[in-house]
Each structure stands twice: as C-alpha cells, then as structure tokens.
Amino acid sequence: DDIDKLKPVILLEGTNTEKLESLRKTLFSSEIGLKGCDEIETVLGYIEKTPLQKATLELDITLARGLNYYTGAIFEVKTNEVAMGSIGGGGRYDDLTGMFGLKNLTGAGISFGADRIYDVMEELNLFPAAAVKSTQVLICCFDKDAEEYALPFLQQLRSNDINAELYPAGAKIKKQMDYANSKQIAYTVLIGSEEMSSGLLAFKDMNSGVQEKLSSNDILNRML
C-alpha cells in the first residue's frame, strides 16, 4: 500500500513543468512538500531566464546523495554521449561547515570527477592530437615495489624536460603497453624484480619494437 502511494512520485513523466504539477497534486496535504515544489519552481524559473547553452535540465525526484549532510535540492551532471554515471554532483547543505568549527553557515557545493571526465573525453576523442602525443616515455611497472622504485627515475626524466608518465594504476603489462600504443607514446620502460636487482631497465622503442637493457642514465642520455 505504501509503495502504491509512492508510485506517482517515482514514476513521474513529462516535462519538468508537468512533473512539478504532478508533484503538487501528490503532496497537496504536505506543507513542507509544497514548499519544496515552490523551491523547485524557482530554480526552473532561473534556468529559463538564463538558458543552458549545451545542456538540458531534467527534474528527477528519485535522486539521492549524501543523506547525512545534504538538506535541500541536489543535482548531478551526466553526459548523454557516453554510457556512464554522473561526472559531477552536489547540492544544498545547512551547517555542514559546523564540523570544522564554522557554525550556522549555509551553502551549496558541487564537485566533478576528473577521472570520469577524462574517460568521457578519451572515448569521444576530444583531446587534441598534440596533447595525446605529449608523453615521450611511459614507465610500466609489474608491481607496487616497482612503482616505488620508478619514482626517482620518473623525477629524473621530468627534471630534464622529458615528458614522462608512470602508468597510473596497477595493471597487466599488456594493458600498459596497449595504453602506450593508444597514446602513440614512442618509448616505454619496463620495471620488474629483475630490473630492480640488476639496475638495468627494459627500454623499448614502440615504433621499431626493439627492446634493450639499459641503465637509467643511459636511457636519459638516449632521450635527450
């Protein structure tokens, strides 16, 4: 019975105005509910006066975020071109700053997921060619120990104005090499237990496929 009462709210359809009208009918006996409808109407009115250029605003009463601190309207940002969840979100909060000692301060905030935005831009090929080809050498590591070992070498390369990148997350070497190919990175350096023991790193020319064992200084001189 309770679920049936919620259906008109959960299954809202139509334009934002039509959804709002349906909400008013459902919440006619709730003072706070009608106040919420008034606030939504105000927001929609602001949007109409400053039209969105490349986006659409959709009223979705089923959204839920941060129930322990959001106290009013919440919002999410999505992309229609790529099948992905939200790439940003936020909302209204009252006294959230209280936990930091700043009482009785209301506000609204939003944050964006840089990783998700990057994934969207990559899938849609939105990065300029110059940016895609900016990395000269990719350091590929077999495990976490290798990642730590690679950091001083990464810094050494960058200090000499060589655009170097350390693969950002633990993954199989094949995936790391595929990443290098997709980004048209000219060289890769592979580091595993053998390389750490010998001090000779696997330096590979991604265009010719030739791989050599070289010291970090030799690789640096080769890149300069």
C-alpha atoms as a PDB file:
ATOM      1  CA  ASP A   1       0.000   0.000   0.000  1.00  0.00           C
ATOM      2  CA  ASP A   2       2.846   2.389   0.886  1.00  0.00           C
ATOM      3  CA  ILE A   3       4.592   1.522  -2.383  1.00  0.00           C
ATOM      4  CA  ASP A   4       1.423   2.327  -4.316  1.00  0.00           C
ATOM      5  CA  LYS A   5       1.368   5.753  -2.670  1.00  0.00           C
ATOM      6  CA  LEU A   6       4.931   6.389  -3.829  1.00  0.00           C
ATOM      7  CA  LYS A   7       4.352   5.319  -7.434  1.00  0.00           C
ATOM      8  CA  PRO A   8       3.108   8.752  -8.617  1.00  0.00           C
ATOM      9  CA  VAL A   9       6.356  10.250  -7.331  1.00  0.00           C
ATOM     10  CA  ILE A  10       8.716   7.518  -8.547  1.00  0.00           C
ATOM     11  CA  LEU A  11       7.132   7.214 -11.996  1.00  0.00           C
ATOM     12  CA  LEU A  12       6.948  10.908 -12.862  1.00  0.00           C
ATOM     13  CA  GLU A  13       6.892  11.554 -16.608  1.00  0.00           C
ATOM     14  CA  GLY A  14       6.648  14.510 -18.956  1.00  0.00           C
ATOM     15  CA  THR A  15       8.313  17.897 -18.970  1.00  0.00           C
ATOM     16  CA  ASN A  16       9.734  19.455 -15.824  1.00  0.00           C
ATOM     17  CA  THR A  17       6.617  21.621 -15.527  1.00  0.00           C
ATOM     18  CA  GLU A  18       4.329  18.599 -15.884  1.00  0.00           C
ATOM     19  CA  LYS A  19       6.330  16.669 -13.299  1.00  0.00           C
ATOM     20  CA  LEU A  20       6.076  19.586 -10.903  1.00  0.00           C
ATOM     21  CA  GLU A  21       2.307  19.781 -11.377  1.00  0.00           C
ATOM     22  CA  SER A  22       2.011  16.055 -10.636  1.00  0.00           C
ATOM     23  CA  LEU A  23       4.111  16.501  -7.510  1.00  0.00           C
ATOM     24  CA  ARG A  24       1.867  19.278  -6.242  1.00  0.00           C
ATOM     25  CA  LYS A  25      -1.182  17.034  -6.651  1.00  0.00           C
ATOM     26  CA  THR A  26       0.518  14.197  -4.786  1.00  0.00           C
ATOM     27  CA  LEU A  27       1.858  16.424  -1.997  1.00  0.00           C
ATOM     28  CA  PHE A  28      -1.160  18.718  -1.671  1.00  0.00           C
ATOM     29  CA  SER A  29      -1.570  17.907   2.040  1.00  0.00           C
ATOM     30  CA  SER A  30       2.115  18.369   2.926  1.00  0.00           C
ATOM     31  CA  GLU A  31       3.196  21.890   3.788  1.00  0.00           C
ATOM     32  CA  ILE A  32       6.892  21.059   3.537  1.00  0.00           C
ATOM     33  CA  GLY A  33       6.284  19.124   0.325  1.00  0.00           C
ATOM     34  CA  LEU A  34       4.576  22.094  -1.316  1.00  0.00           C
ATOM     35  CA  LYS A  35       7.372  24.358  -0.100  1.00  0.00           C
ATOM     36  CA  GLY A  36       9.824  22.060  -1.852  1.00  0.00           C
ATOM     37  CA  CYS A  37       7.766  22.335  -5.042  1.00  0.00           C
ATOM     38  CA  ASP A  38       7.918  26.124  -4.778  1.00  0.00           C
ATOM     39  CA  GLU A  39      11.697  25.993  -4.443  1.00  0.00           C
ATOM     40  CA  ILE A  40      12.000  23.723  -7.483  1.00  0.00           C
ATOM     41  CA  GLU A  41       9.767  26.079  -9.445  1.00  0.00           C
ATOM     42  CA  THR A  42      12.064  28.965  -8.505  1.00  0.00           C
ATOM     43  CA  VAL A  43      15.127  27.073  -9.739  1.00  0.00           C
ATOM     44  CA  LEU A  44      13.402  26.176 -13.007  1.00  0.00           C
ATOM     45  CA  GLY A  45      12.453  29.826 -13.421  1.00  0.00           C
ATOM     46  CA  TYR A  46      16.071  30.918 -13.022  1.00  0.00           C
ATOM     47  CA  ILE A  47      17.157  28.406 -15.650  1.00  0.00           C
ATOM     48  CA  GLU A  48      14.536  29.686 -18.079  1.00  0.00           C
ATOM     49  CA  LYS A  49      15.877  33.224 -17.683  1.00  0.00           C
ATOM     50  CA  THR A  50      19.462  32.094 -18.289  1.00  0.00           C
ATOM     51  CA  PRO A  51      19.028  29.236 -20.791  1.00  0.00           C
ATOM     52  CA  LEU A  52      21.514  26.387 -20.809  1.00  0.00           C
ATOM     53  CA  GLN A  53      23.565  26.518 -23.993  1.00  0.00           C
ATOM     54  CA  LYS A  54      24.579  22.889 -24.462  1.00  0.00           C
ATOM     55  CA  ALA A  55      22.753  21.014 -21.734  1.00  0.00           C
ATOM     56  CA  THR A  56      19.272  20.097 -20.616  1.00  0.00           C
ATOM     57  CA  LEU A  57      17.847  20.200 -17.115  1.00  0.00           C
ATOM     58  CA  GLU A  58      15.767  17.224 -16.031  1.00  0.00           C
ATOM     59  CA  LEU A  59      13.810  17.054 -12.795  1.00  0.00           C
ATOM     60  CA  ASP A  60      14.415  13.652 -11.168  1.00  0.00           C
ATOM     61  CA  ILE A  61      12.772  13.255  -7.783  1.00  0.00           C
ATOM     62  CA  THR A  62      14.404   9.827  -7.269  1.00  0.00           C
ATOM     63  CA  LEU A  63      17.943  11.195  -6.963  1.00  0.00           C
ATOM     64  CA  ALA A  64      19.660  10.530  -3.631  1.00  0.00           C
ATOM     65  CA  ARG A  65      23.040  11.797  -2.464  1.00  0.00           C
ATOM     66  CA  GLY A  66      24.753  12.273   0.893  1.00  0.00           C
ATOM     67  CA  LEU A  67      21.682  11.892   3.071  1.00  0.00           C
ATOM     68  CA  ASN A  68      23.746  12.729   6.154  1.00  0.00           C
ATOM     69  CA  TYR A  69      24.590  16.276   5.061  1.00  0.00           C
ATOM     70  CA  TYR A  70      22.549  17.487   2.081  1.00  0.00           C
ATOM     71  CA  THR A  71      19.484  19.334   3.357  1.00  0.00           C
ATOM     72  CA  GLY A  72      17.856  20.640   0.190  1.00  0.00           C
ATOM     73  CA  ALA A  73      17.997  20.304  -3.565  1.00  0.00           C
ATOM     74  CA  ILE A  74      20.673  18.032  -5.015  1.00  0.00           C
ATOM     75  CA  PHE A  75      21.910  17.789  -8.570  1.00  0.00           C
ATOM     76  CA  GLU A  76      24.018  15.579 -10.806  1.00  0.00           C
ATOM     77  CA  VAL A  77      25.803  16.185 -14.090  1.00  0.00           C
ATOM     78  CA  LYS A  78      25.761  13.478 -16.743  1.00  0.00           C
ATOM     79  CA  THR A  79      26.876  13.099 -20.333  1.00  0.00           C
ATOM     80  CA  ASN A  80      24.448  11.818 -22.931  1.00  0.00           C
ATOM     81  CA  GLU A  81      27.106  10.694 -25.406  1.00  0.00           C
ATOM     82  CA  VAL A  82      28.738   8.042 -23.185  1.00  0.00           C
ATOM     83  CA  ALA A  83      27.078   5.353 -21.071  1.00  0.00           C
ATOM     84  CA  MET A  84      28.366   6.411 -17.665  1.00  0.00           C
ATOM     85  CA  GLY A  85      27.030   7.527 -14.314  1.00  0.00           C
ATOM     86  CA  SER A  86      27.322  11.088 -13.112  1.00  0.00           C
ATOM     87  CA  ILE A  87      30.507  13.032 -13.817  1.00  0.00           C
ATOM     88  CA  GLY A  88      29.672  15.632 -11.181  1.00  0.00           C
ATOM     89  CA  GLY A  89      27.225  16.336  -8.422  1.00  0.00           C
ATOM     90  CA  GLY A  90      26.373  18.398  -5.390  1.00  0.00           C
ATOM     91  CA  GLY A  91      23.588  20.169  -3.572  1.00  0.00           C
ATOM     92  CA  ARG A  92      22.404  22.416  -0.756  1.00  0.00           C
ATOM     93  CA  TYR A  93      23.662  21.865   2.767  1.00  0.00           C
ATOM     94  CA  ASP A  94      22.988  23.646   6.031  1.00  0.00           C
ATOM     95  CA  ASP A  95      25.641  23.812   8.748  1.00  0.00           C
ATOM     96  CA  LEU A  96      27.968  21.328   7.007  1.00  0.00           C
ATOM     97  CA  THR A  97      30.808  23.665   7.960  1.00  0.00           C
ATOM     98  CA  GLY A  98      29.877  23.121  11.606  1.00  0.00           C
ATOM     99  CA  MET A  99      32.147  20.087  11.739  1.00  0.00           C
ATOM    100  CA  PHE A 100      35.049  22.438  11.003  1.00  0.00           C
ATOM    101  CA  GLY A 101      34.049  24.929  13.687  1.00  0.00           C
ATOM    102  CA  LEU A 102      32.173  27.377  11.471  1.00  0.00           C
ATOM    103  CA  LYS A 103      28.589  27.275  12.724  1.00  0.00           C
ATOM    104  CA  ASN A 104      25.332  28.430  11.136  1.00  0.00           C
ATOM    105  CA  LEU A 105      26.644  28.769   7.605  1.00  0.00           C
ATOM    106  CA  THR A 106      24.559  27.511   4.707  1.00  0.00           C
ATOM    107  CA  GLY A 107      25.723  26.933   1.192  1.00  0.00           C
ATOM    108  CA  ALA A 108      25.750  24.794  -1.906  1.00  0.00           C
ATOM    109  CA  GLY A 109      28.583  22.874  -3.442  1.00  0.00           C
ATOM    110  CA  ILE A 110      29.483  20.768  -6.434  1.00  0.00           C
ATOM    111  CA  SER A 111      32.381  18.518  -7.334  1.00  0.00           C
ATOM    112  CA  PHE A 112      33.422  16.893 -10.599  1.00  0.00           C
ATOM    113  CA  GLY A 113      35.082  13.524 -11.148  1.00  0.00           C
ATOM    114  CA  ALA A 114      38.286  14.230 -13.071  1.00  0.00           C
ATOM    115  CA  ASP A 115      38.826  10.549 -13.900  1.00  0.00           C
ATOM    116  CA  ARG A 116      35.334  10.168 -15.328  1.00  0.00           C
ATOM    117  CA  ILE A 117      35.598  13.364 -17.350  1.00  0.00           C
ATOM    118  CA  TYR A 118      38.923  12.127 -18.708  1.00  0.00           C
ATOM    119  CA  ASP A 119      37.335   8.794 -19.693  1.00  0.00           C
ATOM    120  CA  VAL A 120      34.479  10.585 -21.460  1.00  0.00           C
ATOM    121  CA  MET A 121      36.837  12.878 -23.357  1.00  0.00           C
ATOM    122  CA  GLU A 122      39.014   9.944 -24.324  1.00  0.00           C
ATOM    123  CA  GLU A 123      36.084   7.898 -25.634  1.00  0.00           C
ATOM    124  CA  LEU A 124      34.800  10.862 -27.646  1.00  0.00           C
ATOM    125  CA  ASN A 125      38.297  11.661 -28.973  1.00  0.00           C
ATOM    126  CA  LEU A 126      38.140  15.195 -27.603  1.00  0.00           C
ATOM    127  CA  PHE A 127      41.823  15.509 -26.744  1.00  0.00           C
ATOM    128  CA  PRO A 128      43.836  17.478 -29.319  1.00  0.00           C
ATOM    129  CA  ALA A 129      46.479  15.475 -31.166  1.00  0.00           C
ATOM    130  CA  ALA A 130      49.278  17.485 -29.570  1.00  0.00           C
ATOM    131  CA  ALA A 131      48.039  16.559 -26.099  1.00  0.00           C
ATOM    132  CA  VAL A 132      47.695  12.884 -26.992  1.00  0.00           C
ATOM    133  CA  LYS A 133      51.295  12.729 -28.208  1.00  0.00           C
ATOM    134  CA  SER A 134      52.801  14.820 -25.414  1.00  0.00           C
ATOM    135  CA  THR A 135      54.149  11.877 -23.383  1.00  0.00           C
ATOM    136  CA  GLN A 136      57.528  10.751 -24.704  1.00  0.00           C
ATOM    137  CA  VAL A 137      58.101   7.763 -22.447  1.00  0.00           C
ATOM    138  CA  LEU A 138      55.801   5.595 -20.334  1.00  0.00           C
ATOM    139  CA  ILE A 139      57.145   3.717 -17.332  1.00  0.00           C
ATOM    140  CA  CYS A 140      55.391   0.357 -16.947  1.00  0.00           C
ATOM    141  CA  CYS A 141      55.681  -1.461 -13.616  1.00  0.00           C
ATOM    142  CA  PHE A 142      54.997  -5.077 -12.752  1.00  0.00           C
ATOM    143  CA  ASP A 143      54.012  -4.386  -9.131  1.00  0.00           C
ATOM    144  CA  LYS A 144      53.862  -1.802  -6.339  1.00  0.00           C
ATOM    145  CA  ASP A 145      57.526  -2.263  -5.420  1.00  0.00           C
ATOM    146  CA  ALA A 146      58.457  -1.417  -8.990  1.00  0.00           C
ATOM    147  CA  GLU A 147      56.283   1.703  -8.847  1.00  0.00           C
ATOM    148  CA  GLU A 148      58.192   2.979  -5.814  1.00  0.00           C
ATOM    149  CA  TYR A 149      61.483   2.087  -7.488  1.00  0.00           C
ATOM    150  CA  ALA A 150      60.441   4.008 -10.612  1.00  0.00           C
ATOM    151  CA  LEU A 151      59.589   7.297  -8.899  1.00  0.00           C
ATOM    152  CA  PRO A 152      63.159   8.712  -8.674  1.00  0.00           C
ATOM    153  CA  PHE A 153      63.715   7.814 -12.346  1.00  0.00           C
ATOM    154  CA  LEU A 154      60.427   9.475 -13.286  1.00  0.00           C
ATOM    155  CA  GLN A 155      61.537  12.624 -11.480  1.00  0.00           C
ATOM    156  CA  GLN A 156      64.938  12.450 -13.180  1.00  0.00           C
ATOM    157  CA  LEU A 157      63.321  12.345 -16.619  1.00  0.00           C
ATOM    158  CA  ARG A 158      60.982  15.225 -15.877  1.00  0.00           C
ATOM    159  CA  SER A 159      63.805  17.313 -14.403  1.00  0.00           C
ATOM    160  CA  ASN A 160      65.477  17.041 -17.800  1.00  0.00           C
ATOM    161  CA  ASP A 161      62.367  18.268 -19.641  1.00  0.00           C
ATOM    162  CA  ILE A 162      61.396  14.812 -20.860  1.00  0.00           C
ATOM    163  CA  ASN A 163      57.646  14.256 -20.789  1.00  0.00           C
ATOM    164  CA  ALA A 164      57.421  11.039 -18.797  1.00  0.00           C
ATOM    165  CA  GLU A 165      54.443   9.235 -17.353  1.00  0.00           C
ATOM    166  CA  LEU A 166      54.082   6.425 -14.830  1.00  0.00           C
ATOM    167  CA  TYR A 167      51.108   4.181 -15.588  1.00  0.00           C
ATOM    168  CA  PRO A 168      48.531   5.396 -13.031  1.00  0.00           C
ATOM    169  CA  ALA A 169      47.193   2.085 -11.704  1.00  0.00           C
ATOM    170  CA  GLY A 170      48.303  -1.495 -11.220  1.00  0.00           C
ATOM    171  CA  ALA A 171      47.516  -3.481 -14.358  1.00  0.00           C
ATOM    172  CA  LYS A 172      48.914  -6.274 -16.501  1.00  0.00           C
ATOM    173  CA  ILE A 173      51.850  -5.237 -18.654  1.00  0.00           C
ATOM    174  CA  LYS A 174      49.871  -5.910 -21.832  1.00  0.00           C
ATOM    175  CA  LYS A 175      47.274  -3.346 -20.784  1.00  0.00           C
ATOM    176  CA  GLN A 176      50.004  -0.832 -20.023  1.00  0.00           C
ATOM    177  CA  MET A 177      51.622  -1.408 -23.415  1.00  0.00           C
ATOM    178  CA  ASP A 178      48.238  -1.107 -25.138  1.00  0.00           C
ATOM    179  CA  TYR A 179      47.820   2.220 -23.371  1.00  0.00           C
ATOM    180  CA  ALA A 180      51.193   3.368 -24.716  1.00  0.00           C
ATOM    181  CA  ASN A 181      50.182   2.370 -28.241  1.00  0.00           C
ATOM    182  CA  SER A 182      46.802   4.086 -27.985  1.00  0.00           C
ATOM    183  CA  LYS A 183      48.529   7.300 -26.870  1.00  0.00           C
ATOM    184  CA  GLN A 184      51.233   6.961 -29.526  1.00  0.00           C
ATOM    185  CA  ILE A 185      53.953   7.059 -26.865  1.00  0.00           C
ATOM    186  CA  ALA A 186      57.300   6.445 -28.562  1.00  0.00           C
ATOM    187  CA  TYR A 187      59.126   4.667 -25.727  1.00  0.00           C
ATOM    188  CA  THR A 188      58.349   2.501 -22.721  1.00  0.00           C
ATOM    189  CA  VAL A 189      60.461   1.458 -19.765  1.00  0.00           C
ATOM    190  CA  LEU A 190      59.531  -1.836 -18.106  1.00  0.00           C
ATOM    191  CA  ILE A 191      60.475  -2.375 -14.478  1.00  0.00           C
ATOM    192  CA  GLY A 192      60.099  -5.617 -12.532  1.00  0.00           C
ATOM    193  CA  SER A 193      62.062  -7.553  -9.906  1.00  0.00           C
ATOM    194  CA  GLU A 194      64.825  -8.465 -12.380  1.00  0.00           C
ATOM    195  CA  GLU A 195      65.297  -4.861 -13.437  1.00  0.00           C
ATOM    196  CA  MET A 196      65.392  -3.675  -9.837  1.00  0.00           C
ATOM    197  CA  SER A 197      68.026  -6.280  -8.936  1.00  0.00           C
ATOM    198  CA  SER A 198      70.302  -5.588 -11.900  1.00  0.00           C
ATOM    199  CA  GLY A 199      69.739  -1.851 -12.202  1.00  0.00           C
ATOM    200  CA  LEU A 200      69.233  -2.335 -15.932  1.00  0.00           C
ATOM    201  CA  LEU A 201      65.791  -1.311 -17.165  1.00  0.00           C
ATOM    202  CA  ALA A 202      63.957  -2.689 -20.198  1.00  0.00           C
ATOM    203  CA  PHE A 203      63.853   0.195 -22.674  1.00  0.00           C
ATOM    204  CA  LYS A 204      61.589  -0.389 -25.676  1.00  0.00           C
ATOM    205  CA  ASP A 205      61.166   1.576 -28.881  1.00  0.00           C
ATOM    206  CA  MET A 206      57.430   1.222 -29.537  1.00  0.00           C
ATOM    207  CA  ASN A 207      57.810   2.024 -33.240  1.00  0.00           C
ATOM    208  CA  SER A 208      60.538  -0.486 -34.108  1.00  0.00           C
ATOM    209  CA  GLY A 209      59.757  -2.995 -31.360  1.00  0.00           C
ATOM    210  CA  VAL A 210      63.440  -3.133 -30.358  1.00  0.00           C
ATOM    211  CA  GLN A 211      63.988  -3.654 -26.616  1.00  0.00           C
ATOM    212  CA  GLU A 212      67.269  -3.134 -24.761  1.00  0.00           C
ATOM    213  CA  LYS A 213      68.508  -3.380 -21.194  1.00  0.00           C
ATOM    214  CA  LEU A 214      69.936  -0.004 -20.196  1.00  0.00           C
ATOM    215  CA  SER A 215      70.770   1.886 -17.030  1.00  0.00           C
ATOM    216  CA  SER A 216      68.608   4.835 -16.087  1.00  0.00           C
ATOM    217  CA  ASN A 217      71.414   7.231 -17.080  1.00  0.00           C
ATOM    218  CA  ASP A 218      71.787   5.578 -20.482  1.00  0.00           C
ATOM    219  CA  ILE A 219      68.040   5.882 -21.070  1.00  0.00           C
ATOM    220  CA  LEU A 220      68.179   9.525 -20.061  1.00  0.00           C
ATOM    221  CA  ASN A 221      71.035  10.201 -22.494  1.00  0.00           C
ATOM    222  CA  ARG A 222      69.153   8.367 -25.229  1.00  0.00           C
ATOM    223  CA  MET A 223      66.106  10.568 -24.682  1.00  0.00           C
ATOM    224  CA  LEU A 224      67.997  13.868 -24.627  1.00  0.00           C
END
